[in-house]
Protein backbone atom coordinates (compact mmCIF):
# COMPACT_ATOMS: atom_id res chain seq x y z
CA MET A 1 -24.53 2.17 -14.96
CA ILE A 2 -22.96 3.01 -11.59
CA ASP A 3 -25.14 4.95 -9.17
CA PRO A 4 -23.90 8.60 -9.14
CA TYR A 5 -24.01 8.63 -5.34
CA ARG A 6 -21.78 5.59 -5.14
CA ARG A 7 -19.38 7.11 -7.68
CA ARG A 8 -19.06 10.32 -5.65
CA LEU A 9 -18.49 8.27 -2.52
CA ALA A 10 -15.78 6.27 -4.28
CA LEU A 11 -14.02 9.49 -5.27
CA LEU A 12 -14.16 10.70 -1.66
CA VAL A 13 -12.54 7.48 -0.46
CA ALA A 14 -10.00 7.85 -3.28
CA ALA A 15 -9.04 11.29 -1.98
CA CYS A 16 -8.50 9.80 1.49
CA TYR A 17 -6.44 6.97 -0.01
CA PHE A 18 -4.26 9.48 -1.84
CA MET A 19 -3.78 11.55 1.32
CA GLU A 20 -2.85 8.48 3.35
CA ASN A 21 -0.40 7.07 0.78
CA LEU A 22 1.23 10.43 0.11
CA ASP A 23 1.78 10.97 3.82
CA GLY A 24 3.25 7.51 4.37
CA THR A 25 5.62 7.68 1.40
CA ILE A 26 6.74 11.29 1.70
CA VAL A 27 8.01 10.84 5.25
CA THR A 28 10.00 7.76 4.23
CA THR A 29 11.61 9.45 1.24
CA ALA A 30 12.40 12.58 3.27
CA ALA A 31 13.84 10.61 6.20
CA PRO A 32 17.50 11.71 5.74
CA LYS A 33 16.57 15.40 5.67
CA LEU A 34 14.14 14.94 8.56
CA ARG A 35 16.88 13.30 10.60
CA ALA A 36 19.22 16.23 9.97
CA ALA A 37 16.52 18.82 10.76
CA LEU A 38 15.64 17.17 14.09
CA GLY A 39 19.24 16.40 14.95
CA VAL A 40 18.56 12.75 15.74
CA SER A 41 20.06 9.42 14.67
CA SER A 42 18.93 7.13 11.87
CA THR A 43 17.63 4.73 14.53
CA ALA A 44 15.39 7.45 15.96
CA ILE A 45 13.92 8.25 12.55
CA GLY A 46 13.46 4.54 12.04
CA LEU A 47 11.36 4.47 15.20
CA LEU A 48 9.18 7.22 13.75
CA ILE A 49 8.56 5.30 10.52
CA SER A 50 8.15 1.84 12.07
CA THR A 51 5.72 3.11 14.73
CA TYR A 52 3.37 4.41 12.04
CA LEU A 53 3.57 1.21 9.97
CA ILE A 54 3.05 -1.08 12.96
CA THR A 55 0.12 0.94 14.33
CA PHE A 56 -1.46 0.92 10.88
CA ALA A 57 -1.16 -2.87 10.48
CA VAL A 58 -2.36 -3.67 14.00
CA VAL A 59 -5.42 -1.39 14.00
CA ILE A 60 -6.85 -2.33 10.57
CA PRO A 61 -8.45 -5.61 11.78
CA VAL A 62 -10.22 -3.77 14.62
CA GLY A 63 -12.18 -1.77 12.04
CA ASN A 64 -14.63 -4.57 11.33
CA TRP A 65 -15.69 -4.83 14.98
CA LEU A 66 -15.89 -1.04 15.35
CA MET A 67 -18.14 -0.84 12.28
CA SER A 68 -20.57 -3.22 13.93
CA ARG A 69 -20.62 -0.92 16.97
CA LEU A 70 -20.56 2.56 15.44
CA GLY A 71 -21.70 2.06 11.86
CA GLU A 72 -19.64 2.83 8.77
CA ARG A 73 -20.53 6.51 8.43
CA ARG A 74 -19.61 7.53 11.97
CA LEU A 75 -16.44 5.44 11.97
CA PHE A 76 -15.31 6.76 8.58
CA LEU A 77 -15.81 10.40 9.61
CA ALA A 78 -14.13 9.77 12.96
CA ALA A 79 -11.13 8.20 11.20
CA ILE A 80 -10.74 11.25 8.92
CA ALA A 81 -10.93 13.55 11.95
CA VAL A 82 -8.31 11.54 13.88
CA PHE A 83 -5.95 11.47 10.88
CA THR A 84 -6.33 15.22 10.28
CA VAL A 85 -5.86 16.29 13.90
CA ALA A 86 -2.88 13.94 14.27
CA SER A 87 -1.31 15.44 11.14
CA LEU A 88 -1.57 18.89 12.73
CA LEU A 89 -0.04 17.55 15.94
CA CYS A 90 2.84 16.09 13.92
CA ALA A 91 3.53 19.51 12.41
CA LEU A 92 3.35 21.19 15.84
CA SER A 93 5.64 18.67 17.57
CA HIS A 94 8.64 20.11 19.40
CA ASP A 95 10.77 16.98 19.60
CA LEU A 96 10.99 13.41 18.35
CA GLY A 97 9.02 11.99 21.27
CA GLU A 98 5.98 14.17 20.55
CA LEU A 99 6.30 13.40 16.85
CA VAL A 100 6.32 9.64 17.44
CA VAL A 101 3.19 9.82 19.60
CA ALA A 102 1.37 12.01 17.07
CA ARG A 103 2.48 9.72 14.26
CA SER A 104 1.04 6.72 16.13
CA VAL A 105 -2.32 8.46 16.44
CA GLN A 106 -2.13 9.32 12.76
CA GLY A 107 -1.61 5.61 12.02
CA VAL A 108 -4.84 4.79 13.87
CA GLY A 109 -6.83 7.18 11.71
CA ALA A 110 -5.19 5.95 8.51
CA ALA A 111 -5.84 2.30 9.40
CA LEU A 112 -9.59 2.89 9.69
CA MET A 113 -10.15 5.55 7.03
CA VAL A 114 -9.76 3.77 3.69
CA PRO A 115 -10.79 0.18 4.61
CA VAL A 116 -14.02 1.45 6.17
CA GLY A 117 -14.65 3.76 3.22
CA ARG A 118 -14.11 0.86 0.85
CA VAL A 119 -16.75 -1.19 2.67
CA VAL A 120 -19.24 1.67 2.37
CA VAL A 121 -18.62 1.99 -1.37
CA LEU A 122 -18.74 -1.71 -2.21
CA ALA A 123 -21.57 -2.83 0.10
CA ASN A 124 -24.57 -3.98 -1.95
CA SER A 125 -22.82 -3.07 -5.23
CA ASP A 126 -23.38 -5.20 -8.29
CA LYS A 127 -20.40 -7.43 -9.00
CA THR A 128 -20.04 -5.90 -12.45
CA ASP A 129 -19.71 -2.42 -10.88
CA ILE A 130 -16.92 -3.38 -8.47
CA MET A 131 -14.21 -3.15 -11.12
CA ARG A 132 -14.94 0.50 -11.88
CA LEU A 133 -15.59 1.43 -8.26
CA VAL A 134 -12.29 0.00 -7.06
CA ALA A 135 -10.54 1.68 -10.00
CA TYR A 136 -11.95 5.03 -8.82
CA ILE A 137 -10.64 4.35 -5.31
CA VAL A 138 -7.23 2.95 -6.18
CA TRP A 139 -5.66 5.06 -8.87
CA PRO A 140 -5.11 8.25 -6.80
CA GLY A 141 -3.47 6.13 -4.11
CA LEU A 142 -1.11 4.64 -6.70
CA LEU A 143 -0.11 8.13 -7.78
CA ALA A 144 0.96 9.20 -4.30
CA PRO A 145 4.16 7.09 -4.06
CA ALA A 146 5.19 8.30 -7.51
CA ILE A 147 4.92 12.01 -6.75
CA ALA A 148 6.11 11.76 -3.14
CA PRO A 149 9.85 11.90 -4.01
CA LEU A 150 9.33 15.15 -5.95
CA VAL A 151 7.06 16.72 -3.32
CA GLY A 152 9.33 15.58 -0.50
CA GLY A 153 12.39 16.85 -2.34
CA ILE A 154 10.84 20.29 -2.82
CA ILE A 155 9.70 20.51 0.81
CA VAL A 156 12.99 19.48 2.38
CA THR A 157 14.90 21.75 -0.03
CA PHE A 158 12.87 24.93 0.33
CA ALA A 159 10.71 24.59 3.46
CA SER A 160 10.60 23.30 7.02
CA TRP A 161 10.06 19.59 7.76
CA ARG A 162 6.72 20.54 9.31
CA TRP A 163 5.32 21.00 5.82
CA LEU A 164 5.60 17.24 5.33
CA PHE A 165 2.47 16.98 7.50
CA LEU A 166 0.65 20.30 7.07
CA PRO A 167 -0.85 19.58 3.60
CA ASN A 168 -2.96 16.84 5.25
CA VAL A 169 -4.80 19.41 7.37
CA PRO A 170 -6.78 21.28 4.65
CA LEU A 171 -7.17 18.01 2.71
CA GLY A 172 -8.54 16.27 5.78
CA VAL A 173 -10.91 19.12 6.64
CA ALA A 174 -12.24 19.10 3.07
CA ALA A 175 -12.67 15.29 3.13
CA PHE A 176 -14.51 15.43 6.48
CA ALA A 177 -16.85 18.18 5.22
CA ALA A 178 -17.52 16.26 2.01
CA GLY A 179 -18.22 13.07 3.94
CA LEU A 180 -20.53 14.86 6.34
CA VAL A 181 -22.60 16.23 3.47
CA LEU A 182 -22.35 13.32 1.06
CA MET A 183 -22.62 10.12 3.09
CA ARG A 184 -25.97 8.66 3.95
CA PRO A 185 -26.58 6.43 6.96
CA SER A 186 -25.79 2.87 5.96
CA THR A 187 -28.77 0.88 4.74
CA ARG A 188 -26.82 -2.37 4.93
CA ARG A 189 -27.89 -4.52 7.85
CA LEU A 190 -24.95 -4.77 10.22
CA ALA A 191 -24.11 -7.95 12.05
CA ARG A 192 -25.06 -7.90 15.71
CA ALA A 193 -22.05 -6.65 17.63
CA GLY A 194 -20.80 -9.23 20.09
CA ALA A 195 -18.10 -8.95 22.68
CA LEU A 196 -14.67 -8.18 21.32
CA ASP A 197 -12.44 -11.26 21.06
CA TRP A 198 -9.56 -9.81 23.03
CA ARG A 199 -7.34 -12.86 22.78
CA GLY A 200 -7.76 -13.00 19.03
CA MET A 201 -7.07 -9.27 18.77
CA VAL A 202 -3.88 -9.47 20.85
CA LEU A 203 -2.53 -12.52 19.03
CA THR A 204 -3.31 -11.00 15.63
CA GLY A 205 -1.85 -7.63 16.63
CA VAL A 206 1.38 -9.17 17.92
CA GLY A 207 1.77 -11.27 14.78
CA LEU A 208 1.03 -8.47 12.33
CA GLY A 209 3.00 -5.87 14.28
CA GLY A 210 5.95 -8.22 14.56
CA LEU A 211 5.82 -8.98 10.85
CA VAL A 212 5.86 -5.31 9.90
CA TYR A 213 8.59 -4.58 12.43
CA SER A 214 10.76 -7.40 11.11
CA ALA A 215 10.34 -5.97 7.61
CA PHE A 216 11.44 -2.58 8.92
CA VAL A 217 14.49 -4.07 10.65
CA ALA A 218 15.40 -5.89 7.43
CA GLY A 219 15.35 -2.54 5.65
CA GLU A 220 17.94 -1.04 7.99
CA LEU A 221 21.43 -1.19 6.49
CA THR A 222 22.98 -1.78 9.92
CA SER A 223 20.74 -4.71 10.94
CA SER A 224 22.31 -8.16 11.07
CA TRP A 225 20.72 -10.99 9.13
CA THR A 226 20.58 -13.02 12.35
CA ARG A 227 18.48 -10.32 13.99
CA VAL A 228 16.19 -10.17 10.95
CA GLY A 229 15.77 -13.95 10.94
CA LEU A 230 14.94 -14.11 14.63
CA ASP A 231 12.42 -11.26 14.43
CA LEU A 232 10.75 -12.78 11.39
CA THR A 233 10.58 -16.23 12.94
CA ALA A 234 9.02 -14.87 16.13
CA ALA A 235 6.45 -12.85 14.16
CA LEU A 236 5.49 -15.83 11.99
CA ALA A 237 5.15 -18.02 15.08
CA ALA A 238 2.82 -15.47 16.70
CA LEU A 239 0.81 -15.17 13.50
CA GLY A 240 0.59 -18.95 13.21
CA LEU A 241 -0.71 -19.14 16.78
CA ALA A 242 -3.27 -16.45 15.94
CA VAL A 243 -4.48 -18.41 12.90
CA TRP A 244 -4.76 -21.60 14.99
CA TYR A 245 -6.81 -19.74 17.61
CA LEU A 246 -9.07 -17.90 15.13
CA ARG A 247 -9.97 -21.13 13.32
CA ARG A 248 -11.34 -22.57 16.56
CA ARG A 249 -13.40 -19.59 17.70
CA ARG A 250 -17.14 -19.50 17.00
CA GLU A 251 -17.10 -15.69 16.72
CA PRO A 252 -13.45 -14.87 16.02
CA PHE A 253 -11.85 -11.45 15.95
CA LEU A 254 -11.15 -12.09 12.27
CA ASP A 255 -13.11 -14.60 10.22
CA ILE A 256 -10.34 -16.22 8.18
CA SER A 257 -12.63 -18.85 6.69
CA ILE A 258 -13.00 -16.51 3.71
CA PHE A 259 -9.60 -17.74 2.53
CA ARG A 260 -11.47 -20.80 1.26
CA VAL A 261 -12.63 -18.62 -1.64
CA ALA A 262 -10.09 -19.43 -4.35
CA THR A 263 -10.00 -16.06 -6.12
CA PHE A 264 -9.73 -14.22 -2.80
CA THR A 265 -6.68 -16.25 -1.81
CA GLN A 266 -5.09 -16.10 -5.28
CA SER A 267 -5.49 -12.35 -5.41
CA LEU A 268 -3.79 -11.76 -2.06
CA ARG A 269 -1.11 -14.33 -2.80
CA GLY A 270 -0.25 -12.45 -5.98
CA ILE A 271 -0.57 -8.92 -4.66
CA VAL A 272 2.00 -9.41 -1.87
CA PRO A 273 5.07 -9.85 -4.11
CA PHE A 274 3.61 -7.44 -6.67
CA THR A 275 3.21 -4.70 -4.03
CA MET A 276 6.71 -5.32 -2.72
CA VAL A 277 8.17 -4.82 -6.19
CA VAL A 278 6.17 -1.81 -7.41
CA GLY A 279 6.30 -0.23 -3.95
CA SER A 280 10.08 -0.35 -3.91
CA VAL A 281 10.47 1.52 -7.22
CA PRO A 282 9.62 5.06 -5.97
CA LEU A 283 12.12 4.52 -3.13
CA LEU A 284 14.93 2.70 -4.93
CA LEU A 285 15.02 4.75 -8.13
CA PRO A 286 15.58 8.15 -6.43
CA LEU A 287 18.23 6.53 -4.25
CA MET A 288 20.10 5.34 -7.35
CA PHE A 289 19.63 8.64 -9.15
CA GLU A 290 20.90 10.72 -6.24
CA ASP A 291 23.63 8.51 -4.76
CA ARG A 292 24.92 6.83 -7.92
CA PHE A 293 24.09 9.24 -10.76
CA GLY A 294 24.66 12.40 -8.67
CA TRP A 295 21.27 13.95 -9.46
CA SER A 296 19.53 16.50 -7.24
CA PRO A 297 16.45 15.41 -5.25
CA ILE A 298 14.23 17.54 -7.49
CA LYS A 299 15.62 16.08 -10.72
CA ALA A 300 15.33 12.54 -9.35
CA GLY A 301 11.76 13.18 -8.19
CA THR A 302 10.82 14.68 -11.55
CA VAL A 303 11.95 11.59 -13.47
CA VAL A 304 10.18 9.26 -11.04
CA LEU A 305 7.09 11.39 -11.68
CA PHE A 306 6.79 9.59 -15.02
CA VAL A 307 5.56 6.58 -13.05
CA PHE A 308 2.67 8.86 -12.04
CA VAL A 309 2.07 9.78 -15.68
CA GLY A 310 1.92 6.09 -16.59
CA ASN A 311 -0.65 5.52 -13.86
CA VAL A 312 -2.88 8.26 -15.23
CA VAL A 313 -2.61 7.12 -18.83
CA ALA A 314 -3.31 3.48 -17.97
CA LYS A 315 -6.34 3.97 -15.79
CA PRO A 316 -9.02 4.53 -18.49
CA SER A 317 -7.94 1.35 -20.28
CA THR A 318 -7.76 -0.97 -17.26
CA THR A 319 -11.45 -1.87 -17.02
CA PRO A 320 -11.87 -2.43 -20.80
CA LEU A 321 -8.75 -4.64 -20.79
CA LEU A 322 -10.05 -6.79 -17.93
CA ASN A 323 -13.48 -7.04 -19.54
CA ARG A 324 -12.03 -7.94 -22.93
CA TRP A 325 -9.21 -10.31 -22.02
CA GLY A 326 -10.08 -11.56 -18.53
CA TYR A 327 -8.15 -11.41 -15.30
CA ARG A 328 -5.76 -14.28 -15.88
CA ARG A 329 -4.36 -12.99 -19.17
CA VAL A 330 -4.22 -9.34 -18.08
CA LEU A 331 -2.45 -10.17 -14.82
CA LEU A 332 -0.02 -12.44 -16.67
CA GLY A 333 0.87 -9.60 -19.00
CA ALA A 334 1.05 -6.88 -16.34
CA THR A 335 3.20 -8.84 -13.88
CA ALA A 336 5.55 -10.04 -16.62
CA ALA A 337 5.91 -6.46 -17.87
CA VAL A 338 6.73 -5.25 -14.33
CA ALA A 339 9.47 -7.90 -14.14
CA ALA A 340 10.78 -6.73 -17.52
CA THR A 341 10.99 -3.09 -16.41
CA MET A 342 12.98 -4.20 -13.36
CA VAL A 343 15.50 -5.82 -15.71
CA VAL A 344 15.70 -2.62 -17.76
CA PHE A 345 16.23 -0.52 -14.61
CA ALA A 346 19.10 -2.86 -13.74
CA LEU A 347 20.86 -1.93 -16.99
CA PHE A 348 20.83 1.83 -16.39
CA ASP A 349 23.93 3.80 -15.49
CA ALA A 350 24.91 7.47 -15.31
CA ARG A 351 25.38 7.58 -19.10
CA THR A 352 21.85 6.37 -19.90
CA PRO A 353 19.78 9.10 -21.63
CA VAL A 354 17.29 10.66 -19.24
CA ALA A 355 14.56 10.26 -21.87
CA LEU A 356 15.03 6.47 -21.91
CA ILE A 357 14.85 6.32 -18.12
CA ALA A 358 11.68 8.42 -18.17
CA VAL A 359 10.06 6.16 -20.79
CA THR A 360 10.84 3.05 -18.74
CA ALA A 361 9.41 4.71 -15.62
CA PHE A 362 6.30 5.56 -17.65
CA VAL A 363 5.88 1.94 -18.80
CA ASN A 364 6.37 0.75 -15.24
CA GLY A 365 3.60 3.11 -14.13
CA VAL A 366 1.25 1.78 -16.81
CA VAL A 367 1.68 -1.91 -15.97
CA ARG A 368 1.77 -1.41 -12.20
CA SER A 369 -1.57 0.42 -12.43
CA ILE A 370 -3.15 -2.33 -14.52
CA GLY A 371 -1.82 -5.13 -12.33
CA TYR A 372 -2.66 -3.49 -9.03
CA THR A 373 -6.22 -2.68 -10.07
CA GLY A 374 -6.63 -6.22 -11.33
CA TYR A 375 -5.56 -7.76 -8.05
CA LEU A 376 -7.55 -5.35 -5.89
CA THR A 377 -10.75 -6.06 -7.78
CA LEU A 378 -10.27 -9.82 -8.19
CA VAL A 379 -10.30 -10.13 -4.40
CA TYR A 380 -14.07 -9.39 -4.42
CA SER A 381 -15.02 -11.63 -7.34
CA ASP A 382 -16.52 -14.53 -5.41
CA VAL A 383 -16.96 -13.02 -1.94
CA ALA A 384 -20.58 -13.15 -0.76
CA GLU A 385 -22.27 -9.88 0.22
CA GLY A 386 -22.48 -10.98 3.85
CA ASP A 387 -18.72 -11.51 3.93
CA MET A 388 -17.83 -8.22 2.24
CA ALA A 389 -16.79 -6.44 5.46
CA HIS A 390 -14.62 -9.37 6.58
CA GLY A 391 -13.13 -9.69 3.11
CA THR A 392 -12.31 -6.00 2.89
CA THR A 393 -10.71 -6.01 6.34
CA LEU A 394 -8.57 -9.05 5.61
CA ALA A 395 -7.57 -7.75 2.18
CA ALA A 396 -6.62 -4.35 3.60
CA THR A 397 -4.60 -6.03 6.35
CA VAL A 398 -2.62 -8.19 3.92
CA GLN A 399 -2.08 -5.21 1.60
CA GLN A 400 -0.77 -3.07 4.46
CA VAL A 401 1.66 -5.76 5.58
CA ALA A 402 2.80 -6.05 1.96
CA SER A 403 3.25 -2.27 1.85
CA GLY A 404 5.36 -2.50 4.99
CA PHE A 405 7.56 -5.05 3.27
CA ALA A 406 7.65 -2.90 0.12
CA ALA A 407 9.29 -0.11 2.09
CA SER A 408 12.13 -2.52 2.91
CA ALA A 409 12.27 -4.72 -0.20
CA GLY A 410 14.48 -2.33 -2.14
CA VAL A 411 16.92 -1.90 0.76
CA VAL A 412 17.06 -5.67 1.37
CA ALA A 413 17.78 -6.18 -2.33
CA LEU A 414 20.55 -3.56 -2.07
CA ARG A 415 22.03 -5.32 0.95
CA VAL A 416 22.08 -8.64 -0.88
CA GLY A 417 23.54 -6.94 -3.92
CA SER A 418 26.20 -5.34 -1.76
CA SER A 419 27.12 -8.72 -0.28
CA LEU A 420 27.34 -10.37 -3.69
CA THR A 421 29.39 -7.57 -5.26
CA ARG A 422 31.40 -6.87 -2.07
CA SER A 423 30.96 -3.13 -2.41
CA SER A 424 29.13 -0.22 -0.81
CA ALA A 425 25.34 -0.40 -1.28
CA LEU A 426 25.14 3.24 -2.30
CA THR A 427 28.18 3.60 -4.55
CA SER A 428 28.38 0.51 -6.74
CA GLN A 429 26.38 0.25 -9.94
CA GLY A 430 26.68 -3.54 -9.69
CA THR A 431 24.86 -3.42 -6.38
CA TYR A 432 21.87 -1.73 -7.96
CA ARG A 433 21.90 -4.15 -10.87
CA VAL A 434 21.71 -7.11 -8.52
CA ALA A 435 18.98 -5.37 -6.50
CA PHE A 436 16.75 -4.75 -9.51
CA ALA A 437 17.40 -8.27 -10.80
CA LEU A 438 16.22 -9.68 -7.46
CA LEU A 439 13.08 -7.55 -7.66
CA ALA A 440 12.49 -8.88 -11.16
CA LEU A 441 12.61 -12.43 -9.81
CA LEU A 442 10.15 -11.45 -7.08
CA ALA A 443 7.80 -10.06 -9.73
CA VAL A 444 8.01 -13.37 -11.58
CA THR A 445 6.47 -15.14 -8.56
CA SER A 446 3.41 -12.96 -9.07
CA THR A 447 3.40 -13.96 -12.75
CA LEU A 448 3.50 -17.64 -11.80
CA ASN A 449 0.59 -17.07 -9.43
CA ALA A 450 -1.42 -15.53 -12.28
CA ALA A 451 -0.54 -18.46 -14.53
CA ALA A 452 -1.99 -20.86 -11.94
CA MET A 453 -5.39 -19.11 -11.99
CA HIS A 454 -8.38 -20.68 -13.70
CA PRO A 455 -9.12 -18.97 -17.05
CA SER A 456 -12.56 -17.98 -15.71
CA ALA A 457 -11.20 -16.32 -12.55
CA GLY A 458 -12.90 -12.98 -12.01
CA ASP A 459 -15.60 -13.53 -14.61
CA ALA A 460 -18.25 -12.52 -12.05
CA LEU A 461 -16.84 -8.98 -12.18
CA ARG A 462 -16.70 -8.66 -15.94
CA THR A 463 -19.40 -6.95 -17.98
CA PRO A 464 -20.80 -9.36 -20.57
CA ARG A 465 -19.88 -8.38 -24.11
CA ALA A 466 -22.69 -7.52 -26.44
CA PRO A 467 -23.21 -10.10 -29.19
CA ALA A 468 -21.73 -9.14 -32.55
């Protein structure tokens, strides 16, 4: 039985996760309308989006050191406050420059809010409780990208762009008040805070920031493949140098030795392509519906909302499925089903019944919820309690980089599809078919990763079945 206090805390972190994911996705989906409202170029709006993503990825690893200095409670509440105030500043911005600065500050708050909250929830938890606790945290965050196209479509159709940010203000105030009342001072003994490893922080930040930026550049229709290749190579070189340095430090900025834990590594290796695929669906589907099928933003967002319905329906069954069938079999099924829905999406055209599209979106929501929860819980299966903070920080960092790539994966697939079909990326049905087929192949890599797992992977998290 999960401690009621820990359950309430998990729900608070879930609310923050939802707020953060909704904010990040809604701005991306509303980018064309935001560009028109501000009277700026696509490149300028790209700067707004990439700045947030890069700040987010770079700041996450700093959270572990800050926790050792400030404690989880103070850092979590401070992160909520920073995110909320920055959201208000975004809404009050007068020009793009002010908006970019406010968005950067917002990224700092977002980078610390959920990872720190996750540490608070999972610290000293029984392994068999982690599955349910992470499920509480994750599912609202999975809903946000699904409803963002509808919410963004309504806002940009009927209201000012400032309302893209204003909903965060009352949500953030409520979350801060709830945290202030609910959270107890941490009873977990914190590691003694040493001096910050500045070299490790800079190398890691340059590598992660460069990786996210290269993903953003790849997602721009006007970027050359040569530019993308050079940016990606430079980012990987910086990240490789950071790994080399961190391995040789006695007290590194990030303790990457935790990658020796097999289930930890397998989980992150599988969640990267999985996140790229499922994260591209709420962005790519509305694009196809609006630019190819001629639907309105509200109609497109409403159909994509069925992904959200699938998430909700699947959540109560996820923990029983993992307990009954084990992680390897459940992840095999979920990732294979995601690949299958990508193939089905590839077959759609303007004549496809809306009901069939909605059902497929629903199924995609079900299996993405099951697979994502499986990966996010498996990461903690064999991590020792003393390494929980490091593990959470590293997992959150990898997941954020994967999310950055997810924002571009659909566009990259469209660009490849456009090259192969020699047609416009936004007008050819063949282009979308190739794009979804490529995403299906990417999902298969996650299936192969699940197939390589040991049958007992994740058993430490499962609740033993009562004898018959």
